[in-house]
Amino acid sequence: MIQVSIPLIPSGDGGLLIPADHVTTLLRRVAEDWQGSSDSGELTGDPQTVADLAGVLTELADQIDVECIGFASTPELE
């Protein structure tokens, strides 16, 4: 079982924000944990389904990274 500490940042509207790099790290660690548990026999279920779900989480983390890079690389309009 993984343990992850994620900082929460209060927003101006009373909501909470999580830094994107922490979200992507969490998604990747959950995917790795699922895959490792499946490989070791700790997680019951179809191994291909587990691999597919882990792949979806990894792809989502990659997509978030790309979106953040694109956002950070966009020059500000004046």
PDB file of N, CA and C in Angstrom:
ATOM      1  N   MET A   1       0.848  -1.173   0.000  1.00  0.00           N
ATOM      2  CA  MET A   1       0.000   0.000   0.000  1.00  0.00           C
ATOM      3  C   MET A   1       0.892   1.233   0.000  1.00  0.00           C
ATOM      4  N   ILE A   2       0.595   2.177  -0.884  1.00  0.00           N
ATOM      5  CA  ILE A   2       1.393   3.391  -0.961  1.00  0.00           C
ATOM      6  C   ILE A   2       0.859   4.442  -0.001  1.00  0.00           C
ATOM      7  N   GLN A   3       1.759   5.305   0.429  1.00  0.00           N
ATOM      8  CA  GLN A   3       1.377   6.448   1.237  1.00  0.00           C
ATOM      9  C   GLN A   3       1.970   7.680   0.581  1.00  0.00           C
ATOM     10  N   VAL A   4       1.124   8.659   0.327  1.00  0.00           N
ATOM     11  CA  VAL A   4       1.556   9.866  -0.363  1.00  0.00           C
ATOM     12  C   VAL A   4       1.049  11.071   0.405  1.00  0.00           C
ATOM     13  N   SER A   5       1.915  12.040   0.594  1.00  0.00           N
ATOM     14  CA  SER A   5       1.524  13.294   1.221  1.00  0.00           C
ATOM     15  C   SER A   5       1.367  14.333   0.112  1.00  0.00           C
ATOM     16  N   ILE A   6       0.188  14.958   0.057  1.00  0.00           N
ATOM     17  CA  ILE A   6      -0.082  15.936  -0.987  1.00  0.00           C
ATOM     18  C   ILE A   6      -0.465  17.258  -0.331  1.00  0.00           C
ATOM     19  N   PRO A   7       0.262  18.324  -0.679  1.00  0.00           N
ATOM     20  CA  PRO A   7      -0.092  19.632  -0.119  1.00  0.00           C
ATOM     21  C   PRO A   7      -1.367  20.173  -0.764  1.00  0.00           C
ATOM     22  N   LEU A   8      -2.200  20.768   0.036  1.00  0.00           N
ATOM     23  CA  LEU A   8      -3.415  21.410  -0.448  1.00  0.00           C
ATOM     24  C   LEU A   8      -3.232  22.915  -0.350  1.00  0.00           C
ATOM     25  N   ILE A   9      -3.589  23.603  -1.423  1.00  0.00           N
ATOM     26  CA  ILE A   9      -3.426  25.050  -1.478  1.00  0.00           C
ATOM     27  C   ILE A   9      -4.809  25.684  -1.542  1.00  0.00           C
ATOM     28  N   PRO A  10      -5.127  26.550  -0.584  1.00  0.00           N
ATOM     29  CA  PRO A  10      -6.454  27.188  -0.617  1.00  0.00           C
ATOM     30  C   PRO A  10      -6.547  28.164  -1.789  1.00  0.00           C
ATOM     31  N   SER A  11      -7.681  28.140  -2.468  1.00  0.00           N
ATOM     32  CA  SER A  11      -7.904  29.080  -3.569  1.00  0.00           C
ATOM     33  C   SER A  11      -8.712  30.263  -3.058  1.00  0.00           C
ATOM     34  N   GLY A  12      -8.785  31.277  -3.870  1.00  0.00           N
ATOM     35  CA  GLY A  12      -9.501  32.485  -3.478  1.00  0.00           C
ATOM     36  C   GLY A  12     -10.990  32.278  -3.278  1.00  0.00           C
ATOM     37  N   ASP A  13     -11.559  31.256  -3.929  1.00  0.00           N
ATOM     38  CA  ASP A  13     -12.996  31.016  -3.818  1.00  0.00           C
ATOM     39  C   ASP A  13     -13.354  30.004  -2.730  1.00  0.00           C
ATOM     40  N   GLY A  14     -12.391  29.658  -1.890  1.00  0.00           N
ATOM     41  CA  GLY A  14     -12.653  28.742  -0.780  1.00  0.00           C
ATOM     42  C   GLY A  14     -12.413  27.282  -1.118  1.00  0.00           C
ATOM     43  N   GLY A  15     -12.063  26.979  -2.367  1.00  0.00           N
ATOM     44  CA  GLY A  15     -11.751  25.606  -2.756  1.00  0.00           C
ATOM     45  C   GLY A  15     -10.308  25.262  -2.425  1.00  0.00           C
ATOM     46  N   LEU A  16      -9.941  24.051  -2.727  1.00  0.00           N
ATOM     47  CA  LEU A  16      -8.574  23.613  -2.509  1.00  0.00           C
ATOM     48  C   LEU A  16      -7.956  23.178  -3.830  1.00  0.00           C
ATOM     49  N   LEU A  17      -6.696  23.487  -4.002  1.00  0.00           N
ATOM     50  CA  LEU A  17      -5.962  23.108  -5.201  1.00  0.00           C
ATOM     51  C   LEU A  17      -4.838  22.152  -4.827  1.00  0.00           C
ATOM     52  N   ILE A  18      -4.499  21.279  -5.764  1.00  0.00           N
ATOM     53  CA  ILE A  18      -3.393  20.347  -5.586  1.00  0.00           C
ATOM     54  C   ILE A  18      -2.404  20.611  -6.709  1.00  0.00           C
ATOM     55  N   PRO A  19      -1.107  20.778  -6.407  1.00  0.00           N
ATOM     56  CA  PRO A  19      -0.127  21.005  -7.471  1.00  0.00           C
ATOM     57  C   PRO A  19      -0.148  19.855  -8.497  1.00  0.00           C
ATOM     58  N   ALA A  20      -0.096  20.207  -9.764  1.00  0.00           N
ATOM     59  CA  ALA A  20      -0.211  19.222 -10.845  1.00  0.00           C
ATOM     60  C   ALA A  20       0.860  18.142 -10.764  1.00  0.00           C
ATOM     61  N   ASP A  21       2.087  18.512 -10.389  1.00  0.00           N
ATOM     62  CA  ASP A  21       3.139  17.493 -10.322  1.00  0.00           C
ATOM     63  C   ASP A  21       2.843  16.455  -9.243  1.00  0.00           C
ATOM     64  N   HIS A  22       2.147  16.859  -8.193  1.00  0.00           N
ATOM     65  CA  HIS A  22       1.760  15.900  -7.157  1.00  0.00           C
ATOM     66  C   HIS A  22       0.646  14.976  -7.659  1.00  0.00           C
ATOM     67  N   VAL A  23      -0.256  15.527  -8.451  1.00  0.00           N
ATOM     68  CA  VAL A  23      -1.338  14.707  -9.011  1.00  0.00           C
ATOM     69  C   VAL A  23      -0.758  13.658  -9.960  1.00  0.00           C
ATOM     70  N   THR A  24       0.149  14.082 -10.842  1.00  0.00           N
ATOM     71  CA  THR A  24       0.716  13.123 -11.803  1.00  0.00           C
ATOM     72  C   THR A  24       1.566  12.069 -11.096  1.00  0.00           C
ATOM     73  N   THR A  25       2.284  12.476 -10.065  1.00  0.00           N
ATOM     74  CA  THR A  25       3.058  11.497  -9.290  1.00  0.00           C
ATOM     75  C   THR A  25       2.132  10.486  -8.631  1.00  0.00           C
ATOM     76  N   LEU A  26       1.029  10.961  -8.073  1.00  0.00           N
ATOM     77  CA  LEU A  26       0.062  10.077  -7.438  1.00  0.00           C
ATOM     78  C   LEU A  26      -0.521   9.093  -8.450  1.00  0.00           C
ATOM     79  N   LEU A  27      -0.931   9.585  -9.612  1.00  0.00           N
ATOM     80  CA  LEU A  27      -1.492   8.701 -10.637  1.00  0.00           C
ATOM     81  C   LEU A  27      -0.494   7.621 -11.043  1.00  0.00           C
ATOM     82  N   ARG A  28       0.752   8.019 -11.244  1.00  0.00           N
ATOM     83  CA  ARG A  28       1.778   7.042 -11.645  1.00  0.00           C
ATOM     84  C   ARG A  28       2.065   6.029 -10.541  1.00  0.00           C
ATOM     85  N   ARG A  29       2.082   6.486  -9.293  1.00  0.00           N
ATOM     86  CA  ARG A  29       2.352   5.568  -8.188  1.00  0.00           C
ATOM     87  C   ARG A  29       1.210   4.589  -7.983  1.00  0.00           C
ATOM     88  N   VAL A  30      -0.025   5.043  -8.152  1.00  0.00           N
ATOM     89  CA  VAL A  30      -1.163   4.127  -8.051  1.00  0.00           C
ATOM     90  C   VAL A  30      -1.077   3.079  -9.162  1.00  0.00           C
ATOM     91  N   ALA A  31      -0.764   3.515 -10.384  1.00  0.00           N
ATOM     92  CA  ALA A  31      -0.630   2.580 -11.505  1.00  0.00           C
ATOM     93  C   ALA A  31       0.466   1.552 -11.226  1.00  0.00           C
ATOM     94  N   GLU A  32       1.605   2.013 -10.728  1.00  0.00           N
ATOM     95  CA  GLU A  32       2.705   1.099 -10.407  1.00  0.00           C
ATOM     96  C   GLU A  32       2.317   0.139  -9.289  1.00  0.00           C
ATOM     97  N   ASP A  33       1.604   0.646  -8.286  1.00  0.00           N
ATOM     98  CA  ASP A  33       1.173  -0.191  -7.167  1.00  0.00           C
ATOM     99  C   ASP A  33       0.211  -1.275  -7.643  1.00  0.00           C
ATOM    100  N   TRP A  34      -0.761  -0.890  -8.494  1.00  0.00           N
ATOM    101  CA  TRP A  34      -1.694  -1.882  -9.043  1.00  0.00           C
ATOM    102  C   TRP A  34      -0.939  -2.949  -9.815  1.00  0.00           C
ATOM    103  N   GLN A  35      -0.034  -2.509 -10.683  1.00  0.00           N
ATOM    104  CA  GLN A  35       0.693  -3.459 -11.517  1.00  0.00           C
ATOM    105  C   GLN A  35       1.555  -4.380 -10.657  1.00  0.00           C
ATOM    106  N   GLY A  36       2.239  -3.813  -9.679  1.00  0.00           N
ATOM    107  CA  GLY A  36       3.065  -4.623  -8.787  1.00  0.00           C
ATOM    108  C   GLY A  36       2.244  -5.611  -7.980  1.00  0.00           C
ATOM    109  N   SER A  37       1.097  -5.170  -7.489  1.00  0.00           N
ATOM    110  CA  SER A  37       0.224  -6.059  -6.716  1.00  0.00           C
ATOM    111  C   SER A  37      -0.336  -7.168  -7.595  1.00  0.00           C
ATOM    112  N   SER A  38      -0.639  -6.835  -8.831  1.00  0.00           N
ATOM    113  CA  SER A  38      -1.139  -7.845  -9.764  1.00  0.00           C
ATOM    114  C   SER A  38      -0.050  -8.864 -10.093  1.00  0.00           C
ATOM    115  N   ASP A  39       1.154  -8.369 -10.348  1.00  0.00           N
ATOM    116  CA  ASP A  39       2.277  -9.249 -10.690  1.00  0.00           C
ATOM    117  C   ASP A  39       2.634 -10.198  -9.554  1.00  0.00           C
ATOM    118  N   SER A  40       2.487  -9.721  -8.306  1.00  0.00           N
ATOM    119  CA  SER A  40       2.842 -10.552  -7.153  1.00  0.00           C
ATOM    120  C   SER A  40       1.707 -11.451  -6.693  1.00  0.00           C
ATOM    121  N   GLY A  41       0.516 -11.281  -7.281  1.00  0.00           N
ATOM    122  CA  GLY A  41      -0.627 -12.099  -6.898  1.00  0.00           C
ATOM    123  C   GLY A  41      -1.430 -11.543  -5.744  1.00  0.00           C
ATOM    124  N   GLU A  42      -1.044 -10.380  -5.221  1.00  0.00           N
ATOM    125  CA  GLU A  42      -1.779  -9.763  -4.115  1.00  0.00           C
ATOM    126  C   GLU A  42      -3.127  -9.212  -4.562  1.00  0.00           C
ATOM    127  N   LEU A  43      -3.217  -8.801  -5.816  1.00  0.00           N
ATOM    128  CA  LEU A  43      -4.430  -8.206  -6.354  1.00  0.00           C
ATOM    129  C   LEU A  43      -5.114  -9.239  -7.232  1.00  0.00           C
ATOM    130  N   THR A  44      -6.331  -9.570  -6.871  1.00  0.00           N
ATOM    131  CA  THR A  44      -7.055 -10.536  -7.685  1.00  0.00           C
ATOM    132  C   THR A  44      -7.717  -9.813  -8.844  1.00  0.00           C
ATOM    133  N   GLY A  45      -7.939 -10.523  -9.885  1.00  0.00           N
ATOM    134  CA  GLY A  45      -8.555  -9.938 -11.067  1.00  0.00           C
ATOM    135  C   GLY A  45      -7.743 -10.278 -12.298  1.00  0.00           C
ATOM    136  N   ASP A  46      -8.297  -9.945 -13.414  1.00  0.00           N
ATOM    137  CA  ASP A  46      -7.659 -10.221 -14.686  1.00  0.00           C
ATOM    138  C   ASP A  46      -6.406  -9.351 -14.842  1.00  0.00           C
ATOM    139  N   PRO A  47      -5.236  -9.966 -15.034  1.00  0.00           N
ATOM    140  CA  PRO A  47      -4.002  -9.185 -15.171  1.00  0.00           C
ATOM    141  C   PRO A  47      -4.046  -8.189 -16.335  1.00  0.00           C
ATOM    142  N   GLN A  48      -4.701  -8.544 -17.423  1.00  0.00           N
ATOM    143  CA  GLN A  48      -4.771  -7.630 -18.561  1.00  0.00           C
ATOM    144  C   GLN A  48      -5.614  -6.409 -18.222  1.00  0.00           C
ATOM    145  N   THR A  49      -6.693  -6.610 -17.476  1.00  0.00           N
ATOM    146  CA  THR A  49      -7.533  -5.484 -17.067  1.00  0.00           C
ATOM    147  C   THR A  49      -6.753  -4.551 -16.155  1.00  0.00           C
ATOM    148  N   VAL A  50      -6.007  -5.133 -15.215  1.00  0.00           N
ATOM    149  CA  VAL A  50      -5.182  -4.317 -14.315  1.00  0.00           C
ATOM    150  C   VAL A  50      -4.156  -3.535 -15.124  1.00  0.00           C
ATOM    151  N   ALA A  51      -3.501  -4.192 -16.070  1.00  0.00           N
ATOM    152  CA  ALA A  51      -2.511  -3.517 -16.911  1.00  0.00           C
ATOM    153  C   ALA A  51      -3.148  -2.397 -17.724  1.00  0.00           C
ATOM    154  N   ASP A  52      -4.337  -2.650 -18.251  1.00  0.00           N
ATOM    155  CA  ASP A  52      -5.047  -1.628 -19.029  1.00  0.00           C
ATOM    156  C   ASP A  52      -5.407  -0.426 -18.154  1.00  0.00           C
ATOM    157  N   LEU A  53      -5.912  -0.692 -16.959  1.00  0.00           N
ATOM    158  CA  LEU A  53      -6.279   0.407 -16.055  1.00  0.00           C
ATOM    159  C   LEU A  53      -5.046   1.189 -15.612  1.00  0.00           C
ATOM    160  N   ALA A  54      -3.964   0.490 -15.332  1.00  0.00           N
ATOM    161  CA  ALA A  54      -2.718   1.164 -14.967  1.00  0.00           C
ATOM    162  C   ALA A  54      -2.234   2.025 -16.136  1.00  0.00           C
ATOM    163  N   GLY A  55      -2.386   1.510 -17.350  1.00  0.00           N
ATOM    164  CA  GLY A  55      -2.005   2.277 -18.527  1.00  0.00           C
ATOM    165  C   GLY A  55      -2.829   3.544 -18.686  1.00  0.00           C
ATOM    166  N   VAL A  56      -4.116   3.461 -18.386  1.00  0.00           N
ATOM    167  CA  VAL A  56      -4.987   4.643 -18.468  1.00  0.00           C
ATOM    168  C   VAL A  56      -4.523   5.706 -17.469  1.00  0.00           C
ATOM    169  N   LEU A  57      -4.183   5.291 -16.256  1.00  0.00           N
ATOM    170  CA  LEU A  57      -3.711   6.264 -15.263  1.00  0.00           C
ATOM    171  C   LEU A  57      -2.409   6.915 -15.703  1.00  0.00           C
ATOM    172  N   THR A  58      -1.509   6.109 -16.265  1.00  0.00           N
ATOM    173  CA  THR A  58      -0.232   6.646 -16.739  1.00  0.00           C
ATOM    174  C   THR A  58      -0.447   7.607 -17.903  1.00  0.00           C
ATOM    175  N   GLU A  59      -1.337   7.261 -18.822  1.00  0.00           N
ATOM    176  CA  GLU A  59      -1.641   8.157 -19.944  1.00  0.00           C
ATOM    177  C   GLU A  59      -2.264   9.462 -19.453  1.00  0.00           C
ATOM    178  N   LEU A  60      -3.125   9.385 -18.456  1.00  0.00           N
ATOM    179  CA  LEU A  60      -3.726  10.585 -17.894  1.00  0.00           C
ATOM    180  C   LEU A  60      -2.650  11.476 -17.268  1.00  0.00           C
ATOM    181  N   ALA A  61      -1.721  10.869 -16.540  1.00  0.00           N
ATOM    182  CA  ALA A  61      -0.623  11.632 -15.944  1.00  0.00           C
ATOM    183  C   ALA A  61       0.210  12.295 -17.042  1.00  0.00           C
ATOM    184  N   ASP A  62       0.481  11.565 -18.114  1.00  0.00           N
ATOM    185  CA  ASP A  62       1.235  12.139 -19.232  1.00  0.00           C
ATOM    186  C   ASP A  62       0.485  13.312 -19.859  1.00  0.00           C
ATOM    187  N   GLN A  63      -0.816  13.159 -20.026  1.00  0.00           N
ATOM    188  CA  GLN A  63      -1.634  14.217 -20.622  1.00  0.00           C
ATOM    189  C   GLN A  63      -1.618  15.471 -19.742  1.00  0.00           C
ATOM    190  N   ILE A  64      -1.728  15.287 -18.442  1.00  0.00           N
ATOM    191  CA  ILE A  64      -1.681  16.428 -17.523  1.00  0.00           C
ATOM    192  C   ILE A  64      -0.330  17.122 -17.631  1.00  0.00           C
ATOM    193  N   ASP A  65       0.756  16.336 -17.684  1.00  0.00           N
ATOM    194  CA  ASP A  65       2.093  16.926 -17.829  1.00  0.00           C
ATOM    195  C   ASP A  65       2.197  17.750 -19.107  1.00  0.00           C
ATOM    196  N   VAL A  66       1.711  17.207 -20.213  1.00  0.00           N
ATOM    197  CA  VAL A  66       1.770  17.919 -21.496  1.00  0.00           C
ATOM    198  C   VAL A  66       0.968  19.213 -21.434  1.00  0.00           C
ATOM    199  N   GLU A  67      -0.231  19.138 -20.858  1.00  0.00           N
ATOM    200  CA  GLU A  67      -1.072  20.330 -20.746  1.00  0.00           C
ATOM    201  C   GLU A  67      -0.382  21.396 -19.887  1.00  0.00           C
ATOM    202  N   CYS A  68       0.247  20.983 -18.805  1.00  0.00           N
ATOM    203  CA  CYS A  68       0.922  21.942 -17.931  1.00  0.00           C
ATOM    204  C   CYS A  68       2.137  22.556 -18.616  1.00  0.00           C
ATOM    205  N   ILE A  69       2.883  21.737 -19.351  1.00  0.00           N
ATOM    206  CA  ILE A  69       4.034  22.259 -20.091  1.00  0.00           C
ATOM    207  C   ILE A  69       3.563  23.272 -21.128  1.00  0.00           C
ATOM    208  N   GLY A  70       2.492  22.928 -21.837  1.00  0.00           N
ATOM    209  CA  GLY A  70       1.946  23.857 -22.818  1.00  0.00           C
ATOM    210  C   GLY A  70       1.477  25.154 -22.189  1.00  0.00           C
ATOM    211  N   PHE A  71       0.825  25.049 -21.052  1.00  0.00           N
ATOM    212  CA  PHE A  71       0.333  26.241 -20.350  1.00  0.00           C
ATOM    213  C   PHE A  71       1.503  27.108 -19.885  1.00  0.00           C
ATOM    214  N   ALA A  72       2.529  26.471 -19.304  1.00  0.00           N
ATOM    215  CA  ALA A  72       3.676  27.215 -18.781  1.00  0.00           C
ATOM    216  C   ALA A  72       4.526  27.800 -19.900  1.00  0.00           C
ATOM    217  N   SER A  73       4.473  27.199 -21.083  1.00  0.00           N
ATOM    218  CA  SER A  73       5.283  27.652 -22.215  1.00  0.00           C
ATOM    219  C   SER A  73       4.612  28.727 -23.050  1.00  0.00           C
ATOM    220  N   THR A  74       3.330  28.961 -22.811  1.00  0.00           N
ATOM    221  CA  THR A  74       2.590  29.948 -23.589  1.00  0.00           C
ATOM    222  C   THR A  74       2.937  31.347 -23.085  1.00  0.00           C
ATOM    223  N   PRO A  75       3.420  32.191 -23.992  1.00  0.00           N
ATOM    224  CA  PRO A  75       3.740  33.564 -23.541  1.00  0.00           C
ATOM    225  C   PRO A  75       2.468  34.299 -23.135  1.00  0.00           C
ATOM    226  N   GLU A  76       2.599  35.142 -22.144  1.00  0.00           N
ATOM    227  CA  GLU A  76       1.446  35.907 -21.686  1.00  0.00           C
ATOM    228  C   GLU A  76       1.071  36.958 -22.726  1.00  0.00           C
ATOM    229  N   LEU A  77      -0.210  37.109 -22.912  1.00  0.00           N
ATOM    230  CA  LEU A  77      -0.701  38.142 -23.823  1.00  0.00           C
ATOM    231  C   LEU A  77      -0.792  39.458 -23.069  1.00  0.00           C
ATOM    232  N   GLU A  78      -0.339  40.503 -23.667  1.00  0.00           N
ATOM    233  CA  GLU A  78      -0.383  41.807 -22.991  1.00  0.00           C
ATOM    234  C   GLU A  78      -1.438  42.672 -23.593  1.00  0.00           C
TER     235      GLU A  78
END
